[in-house]
N, C-alpha and C. Protein backbone atom coordinates (compact mmCIF):
# COMPACT_ATOMS: atom_id res chain seq x y z
N MET A 1 -9.43 -14.98 7.78
CA MET A 1 -9.22 -14.79 9.21
C MET A 1 -9.17 -16.14 9.93
N LEU A 2 -9.87 -17.13 9.41
CA LEU A 2 -9.90 -18.43 10.07
C LEU A 2 -8.52 -19.08 10.09
N SER A 3 -7.80 -19.01 8.99
CA SER A 3 -6.47 -19.62 8.98
C SER A 3 -5.51 -18.85 9.89
N LEU A 4 -5.68 -17.55 10.00
CA LEU A 4 -4.86 -16.76 10.91
C LEU A 4 -5.19 -17.12 12.35
N PHE A 5 -6.44 -17.40 12.63
CA PHE A 5 -6.84 -17.81 13.98
C PHE A 5 -6.27 -19.18 14.32
N LYS A 6 -6.27 -20.11 13.36
CA LYS A 6 -5.65 -21.41 13.60
C LYS A 6 -4.16 -21.25 13.84
N SER A 7 -3.55 -20.32 13.14
CA SER A 7 -2.13 -20.04 13.35
C SER A 7 -1.89 -19.53 14.77
N PHE A 8 -2.81 -18.69 15.26
CA PHE A 8 -2.68 -18.17 16.63
C PHE A 8 -2.77 -19.30 17.65
N LYS A 9 -3.67 -20.25 17.42
CA LYS A 9 -3.79 -21.39 18.33
C LYS A 9 -2.51 -22.23 18.31
N ILE A 10 -1.95 -22.43 17.14
CA ILE A 10 -0.72 -23.21 17.03
C ILE A 10 0.45 -22.47 17.69
N ILE A 11 0.54 -21.16 17.46
CA ILE A 11 1.60 -20.36 18.07
C ILE A 11 1.46 -20.39 19.59
N ALA A 12 0.24 -20.34 20.10
CA ALA A 12 0.04 -20.39 21.55
C ALA A 12 0.56 -21.70 22.13
N LEU A 13 0.28 -22.80 21.46
CA LEU A 13 0.77 -24.11 21.93
C LEU A 13 2.29 -24.21 21.82
N LEU A 14 2.83 -23.76 20.69
CA LEU A 14 4.28 -23.82 20.50
C LEU A 14 5.02 -22.91 21.48
N GLU A 15 4.44 -21.76 21.78
CA GLU A 15 5.06 -20.84 22.73
C GLU A 15 5.11 -21.47 24.12
N GLY A 16 4.04 -22.12 24.50
CA GLY A 16 4.01 -22.81 25.79
C GLY A 16 5.01 -23.95 25.87
N ILE A 17 5.12 -24.71 24.79
CA ILE A 17 6.09 -25.80 24.76
C ILE A 17 7.51 -25.27 24.82
N SER A 18 7.79 -24.22 24.06
CA SER A 18 9.15 -23.67 24.06
C SER A 18 9.50 -23.09 25.42
N TYR A 19 8.53 -22.51 26.10
CA TYR A 19 8.76 -21.96 27.44
C TYR A 19 9.12 -23.07 28.43
N LEU A 20 8.39 -24.18 28.36
CA LEU A 20 8.68 -25.30 29.24
C LEU A 20 10.02 -25.95 28.90
N LEU A 21 10.36 -26.04 27.62
CA LEU A 21 11.66 -26.59 27.23
C LEU A 21 12.80 -25.70 27.72
N LEU A 22 12.59 -24.40 27.66
CA LEU A 22 13.61 -23.47 28.14
C LEU A 22 13.80 -23.62 29.64
N PHE A 23 12.71 -23.75 30.39
CA PHE A 23 12.82 -23.99 31.83
C PHE A 23 13.49 -25.33 32.11
N GLY A 24 13.12 -26.36 31.36
CA GLY A 24 13.74 -27.66 31.54
C GLY A 24 15.24 -27.61 31.28
N ASN A 25 15.61 -26.84 30.27
CA ASN A 25 17.02 -26.67 29.96
C ASN A 25 17.75 -26.00 31.12
N MET A 26 17.15 -25.00 31.69
CA MET A 26 17.79 -24.26 32.79
C MET A 26 17.84 -25.09 34.08
N LEU A 27 16.79 -25.84 34.36
CA LEU A 27 16.72 -26.54 35.64
C LEU A 27 17.41 -27.89 35.65
N PHE A 28 17.32 -28.63 34.56
CA PHE A 28 17.79 -30.00 34.59
C PHE A 28 19.08 -30.23 33.80
N ILE A 29 19.24 -29.57 32.69
CA ILE A 29 20.42 -29.80 31.86
C ILE A 29 21.61 -28.97 32.32
N LYS A 30 21.37 -27.72 32.69
CA LYS A 30 22.47 -26.83 33.06
C LYS A 30 23.34 -27.36 34.21
N PRO A 31 22.76 -27.81 35.31
CA PRO A 31 23.63 -28.22 36.42
C PRO A 31 24.51 -29.44 36.12
N TYR A 32 24.07 -30.29 35.21
CA TYR A 32 24.77 -31.55 35.02
C TYR A 32 25.58 -31.63 33.72
N PHE A 33 25.11 -30.97 32.68
CA PHE A 33 25.75 -31.07 31.37
C PHE A 33 26.04 -29.66 30.86
N LEU A 34 27.08 -29.05 31.34
CA LEU A 34 27.37 -27.66 31.02
C LEU A 34 27.68 -27.45 29.54
N ASP A 35 28.34 -28.40 28.88
CA ASP A 35 28.68 -28.25 27.47
C ASP A 35 27.43 -28.28 26.59
N ILE A 36 26.52 -29.20 26.87
CA ILE A 36 25.28 -29.28 26.10
C ILE A 36 24.43 -28.04 26.35
N TYR A 37 24.44 -27.56 27.58
CA TYR A 37 23.65 -26.38 27.95
C TYR A 37 24.02 -25.19 27.10
N LYS A 38 25.32 -24.96 26.90
CA LYS A 38 25.75 -23.81 26.12
C LYS A 38 25.32 -23.90 24.66
N THR A 39 25.30 -25.10 24.11
CA THR A 39 24.92 -25.24 22.70
C THR A 39 23.40 -25.20 22.53
N LEU A 40 22.63 -25.56 23.55
CA LEU A 40 21.17 -25.56 23.43
C LEU A 40 20.54 -24.22 23.80
N LEU A 41 21.21 -23.44 24.60
CA LEU A 41 20.59 -22.22 25.12
C LEU A 41 20.24 -21.22 24.03
N PHE A 42 21.16 -20.93 23.14
CA PHE A 42 20.90 -19.91 22.13
C PHE A 42 19.75 -20.27 21.19
N PRO A 43 19.76 -21.46 20.55
CA PRO A 43 18.64 -21.76 19.64
C PRO A 43 17.29 -21.86 20.37
N MET A 44 17.29 -22.43 21.57
CA MET A 44 16.03 -22.52 22.30
C MET A 44 15.54 -21.15 22.73
N GLY A 45 16.45 -20.32 23.18
CA GLY A 45 16.08 -18.97 23.59
C GLY A 45 15.58 -18.14 22.41
N MET A 46 16.24 -18.28 21.27
CA MET A 46 15.84 -17.54 20.08
C MET A 46 14.46 -17.99 19.60
N ALA A 47 14.24 -19.29 19.57
CA ALA A 47 12.94 -19.81 19.14
C ALA A 47 11.84 -19.34 20.08
N HIS A 48 12.09 -19.42 21.37
CA HIS A 48 11.08 -18.98 22.33
C HIS A 48 10.82 -17.48 22.20
N GLY A 49 11.86 -16.70 22.01
CA GLY A 49 11.69 -15.25 21.86
C GLY A 49 10.84 -14.90 20.64
N LEU A 50 11.10 -15.56 19.53
CA LEU A 50 10.30 -15.31 18.32
C LEU A 50 8.85 -15.74 18.50
N LEU A 51 8.65 -16.90 19.13
CA LEU A 51 7.28 -17.36 19.38
C LEU A 51 6.55 -16.44 20.35
N PHE A 52 7.26 -15.95 21.36
CA PHE A 52 6.67 -15.04 22.35
C PHE A 52 6.22 -13.74 21.68
N ILE A 53 7.07 -13.15 20.86
CA ILE A 53 6.73 -11.91 20.17
C ILE A 53 5.56 -12.13 19.22
N THR A 54 5.58 -13.25 18.50
CA THR A 54 4.48 -13.56 17.59
C THR A 54 3.18 -13.75 18.36
N TYR A 55 3.23 -14.42 19.49
CA TYR A 55 2.04 -14.62 20.33
C TYR A 55 1.46 -13.28 20.78
N ILE A 56 2.31 -12.39 21.26
CA ILE A 56 1.85 -11.08 21.74
C ILE A 56 1.21 -10.29 20.60
N ILE A 57 1.86 -10.26 19.45
CA ILE A 57 1.33 -9.51 18.30
C ILE A 57 -0.02 -10.09 17.87
N LEU A 58 -0.11 -11.39 17.76
CA LEU A 58 -1.38 -12.01 17.35
C LEU A 58 -2.46 -11.82 18.40
N ALA A 59 -2.10 -11.86 19.67
CA ALA A 59 -3.09 -11.64 20.73
C ALA A 59 -3.65 -10.22 20.64
N LEU A 60 -2.80 -9.25 20.42
CA LEU A 60 -3.28 -7.87 20.28
C LEU A 60 -4.10 -7.69 19.02
N LEU A 61 -3.70 -8.35 17.95
CA LEU A 61 -4.46 -8.27 16.70
C LEU A 61 -5.86 -8.85 16.88
N PHE A 62 -5.94 -10.01 17.54
CA PHE A 62 -7.23 -10.64 17.74
C PHE A 62 -8.08 -9.96 18.80
N SER A 63 -7.44 -9.25 19.72
CA SER A 63 -8.24 -8.52 20.71
C SER A 63 -9.07 -7.44 20.02
N ASN A 64 -8.53 -6.85 18.97
CA ASN A 64 -9.30 -5.86 18.21
C ASN A 64 -10.34 -6.52 17.32
N LYS A 65 -9.93 -7.58 16.60
CA LYS A 65 -10.85 -8.22 15.66
C LYS A 65 -12.03 -8.90 16.34
N LEU A 66 -11.77 -9.57 17.46
CA LEU A 66 -12.84 -10.30 18.16
C LEU A 66 -13.49 -9.47 19.27
N LYS A 67 -13.04 -8.24 19.41
CA LYS A 67 -13.62 -7.30 20.37
C LYS A 67 -13.60 -7.85 21.80
N TRP A 68 -12.41 -8.36 22.19
CA TRP A 68 -12.24 -8.80 23.56
C TRP A 68 -12.19 -7.60 24.47
N ASP A 69 -12.72 -7.72 25.67
CA ASP A 69 -12.62 -6.61 26.62
C ASP A 69 -11.18 -6.55 27.17
N VAL A 70 -10.90 -5.51 27.92
CA VAL A 70 -9.54 -5.28 28.43
C VAL A 70 -9.11 -6.41 29.36
N LYS A 71 -10.02 -6.89 30.20
CA LYS A 71 -9.69 -7.96 31.14
C LYS A 71 -9.28 -9.23 30.41
N THR A 72 -10.03 -9.63 29.41
CA THR A 72 -9.71 -10.83 28.63
C THR A 72 -8.38 -10.67 27.92
N THR A 73 -8.16 -9.51 27.33
CA THR A 73 -6.90 -9.26 26.64
C THR A 73 -5.72 -9.35 27.60
N LEU A 74 -5.85 -8.76 28.78
CA LEU A 74 -4.76 -8.82 29.76
C LEU A 74 -4.52 -10.25 30.25
N ILE A 75 -5.57 -11.01 30.45
CA ILE A 75 -5.41 -12.41 30.86
C ILE A 75 -4.64 -13.19 29.79
N ILE A 76 -4.99 -12.97 28.54
CA ILE A 76 -4.33 -13.67 27.44
C ILE A 76 -2.87 -13.24 27.32
N LEU A 77 -2.58 -11.97 27.54
CA LEU A 77 -1.21 -11.49 27.47
C LEU A 77 -0.37 -11.97 28.65
N VAL A 78 -0.92 -11.93 29.85
CA VAL A 78 -0.19 -12.35 31.04
C VAL A 78 0.07 -13.86 31.02
N ALA A 79 -0.82 -14.61 30.41
CA ALA A 79 -0.64 -16.07 30.35
C ALA A 79 0.62 -16.46 29.61
N SER A 80 1.14 -15.57 28.77
CA SER A 80 2.34 -15.90 28.02
C SER A 80 3.59 -15.92 28.89
N ILE A 81 3.53 -15.36 30.09
CA ILE A 81 4.71 -15.36 30.97
C ILE A 81 4.56 -16.31 32.15
N ILE A 82 3.47 -17.04 32.19
CA ILE A 82 3.22 -18.02 33.25
C ILE A 82 3.38 -19.41 32.64
N PRO A 83 4.17 -20.29 33.28
CA PRO A 83 4.27 -21.66 32.75
C PRO A 83 2.89 -22.32 32.67
N PHE A 84 2.63 -22.99 31.59
CA PHE A 84 1.36 -23.64 31.27
C PHE A 84 0.23 -22.65 31.00
N GLY A 85 0.52 -21.36 31.00
CA GLY A 85 -0.51 -20.34 30.79
C GLY A 85 -1.12 -20.38 29.41
N THR A 86 -0.29 -20.57 28.38
CA THR A 86 -0.84 -20.57 27.03
C THR A 86 -1.69 -21.81 26.76
N PHE A 87 -1.40 -22.91 27.48
CA PHE A 87 -2.24 -24.10 27.33
C PHE A 87 -3.64 -23.82 27.88
N TYR A 88 -3.69 -23.12 29.00
CA TYR A 88 -4.97 -22.74 29.60
C TYR A 88 -5.74 -21.80 28.66
N ILE A 89 -5.05 -20.84 28.09
CA ILE A 89 -5.68 -19.88 27.17
C ILE A 89 -6.21 -20.60 25.95
N GLU A 90 -5.43 -21.51 25.41
CA GLU A 90 -5.87 -22.24 24.22
C GLU A 90 -7.11 -23.06 24.52
N LYS A 91 -7.16 -23.64 25.71
CA LYS A 91 -8.31 -24.48 26.08
C LYS A 91 -9.55 -23.64 26.40
N LYS A 92 -9.38 -22.56 27.16
CA LYS A 92 -10.53 -21.80 27.63
C LYS A 92 -11.01 -20.73 26.65
N TYR A 93 -10.08 -19.97 26.07
CA TYR A 93 -10.47 -18.83 25.25
C TYR A 93 -10.43 -19.10 23.76
N LEU A 94 -9.57 -20.00 23.32
CA LEU A 94 -9.41 -20.19 21.87
C LEU A 94 -10.13 -21.41 21.35
N LYS A 95 -10.41 -22.42 22.18
CA LYS A 95 -11.13 -23.61 21.72
C LYS A 95 -12.57 -23.31 21.32
N PRO A 96 -13.31 -22.53 22.10
CA PRO A 96 -14.72 -22.31 21.73
C PRO A 96 -14.91 -21.60 20.38
N ILE A 97 -13.93 -20.83 19.96
CA ILE A 97 -14.03 -20.13 18.69
C ILE A 97 -13.50 -21.05 17.62
N LYS A 98 -14.32 -21.39 16.64
CA LYS A 98 -13.88 -22.32 15.60
C LYS A 98 -13.69 -21.63 14.31
């Protein structure tokens, strides 16, 4: 279970990074470099989508194993759709558990 938990921490960080990269692509690259935008959008979107689904599945799996209450589980799930949310979750909820 420990290695699966470390994987969850890594997935949380990668999901947050991919979310910020996707926003950066939409806000800064799209208006100025339309050709690069089209080639970057699909792989970045696909990577973020896979990381997002993996994050949700692992969060639900760990909510049962670690017996998180409903409030904690919802906070962890909602953080995946807020920019910088997974970084906060990794620092506050996942760091204390070793």
